[in-house]
């Protein structure tokens, strides 16, 4: 993934954004958070209000099999625990991993917004203003234990992953490689992207891997629909900022996470499911033939062939 230093807004919007490829932006003005956010400062800044966290006995978290539990801890206790490697107090094991993904007050109705959920810390952050204020969707505050790996998934909105402290490795895959990623909804079944089970996932080798390492102060632009898999190589704090680049009415109004497919896409998938159900009325030989014709029609009408 390309790294570019101190890119002004105009250049980002003119030269980089239209390419729809991930890029790491370095040297941006992010505020005092990059120097202030030590474990001590974080744990006293927002006090002991309760936060809901993911706790995992293994480093690789799997959203599909739910190999983690949700627990609640006071924020100051959580920060100190997430920064430890071995725990004196724990839920599952002494080397369990912790992960906070901030959410709104009412998860079903409210988006994550650092200004509302963590107002003291929000004062320390300057979010790069590379999009219009009315496009803003959410700002998700994240804290991860060292070694924690998040499942591969895509989001339907453009976003900046702002790495405030610590180091992260991010592996990305283009939207056009979706056929090789064994999708279940927005998530890939392939958890271990470094040592995939190729007997189970033979097509995965065809997916082109893009990779970058984010150091403290780096900002990764992740275009909508790009798959990403994140490992926190160190204890770290990050902020994701999502914004709407489609017309506002394209998005599902009930989506507070930024990962529900656009309304038109959801409708199209429902129609396709109905069409496939209709094909079941035919014998297998006919079903196979007309399904192949449908695939050809979709390729003709909807596939792009101008990917560079």
Foldseek 3Di string as FASTA:
>chain_A
DAEEEPDDLVCCVPPPVVLQDKYKYFHDCWFQLLPQPDLVCQLPQQDFDKAKKWKAPDQQQDPVVRRTDIDIGGRSVVSVQLQDQAQPDDDPHRRIKMKGKDADPDNQAAAAACCPPPVRSVVRTDDRPSDDPVQWQYKIKMWIHASHKYFKFFFQFKKKKAWAAAKKKKKKFALVLVVQQCDDQRTGPFRPLPDGPCVVRVSVVVTDIDMDMDHHRMMMINHGNMIMMMHGNHGTIIMMITTHPDPPQQCDNRDRPRHDHGPVVVVVVVVVVVVLVVLVVDPPVVSVVVVVVVVVVCCVPPDDDPND
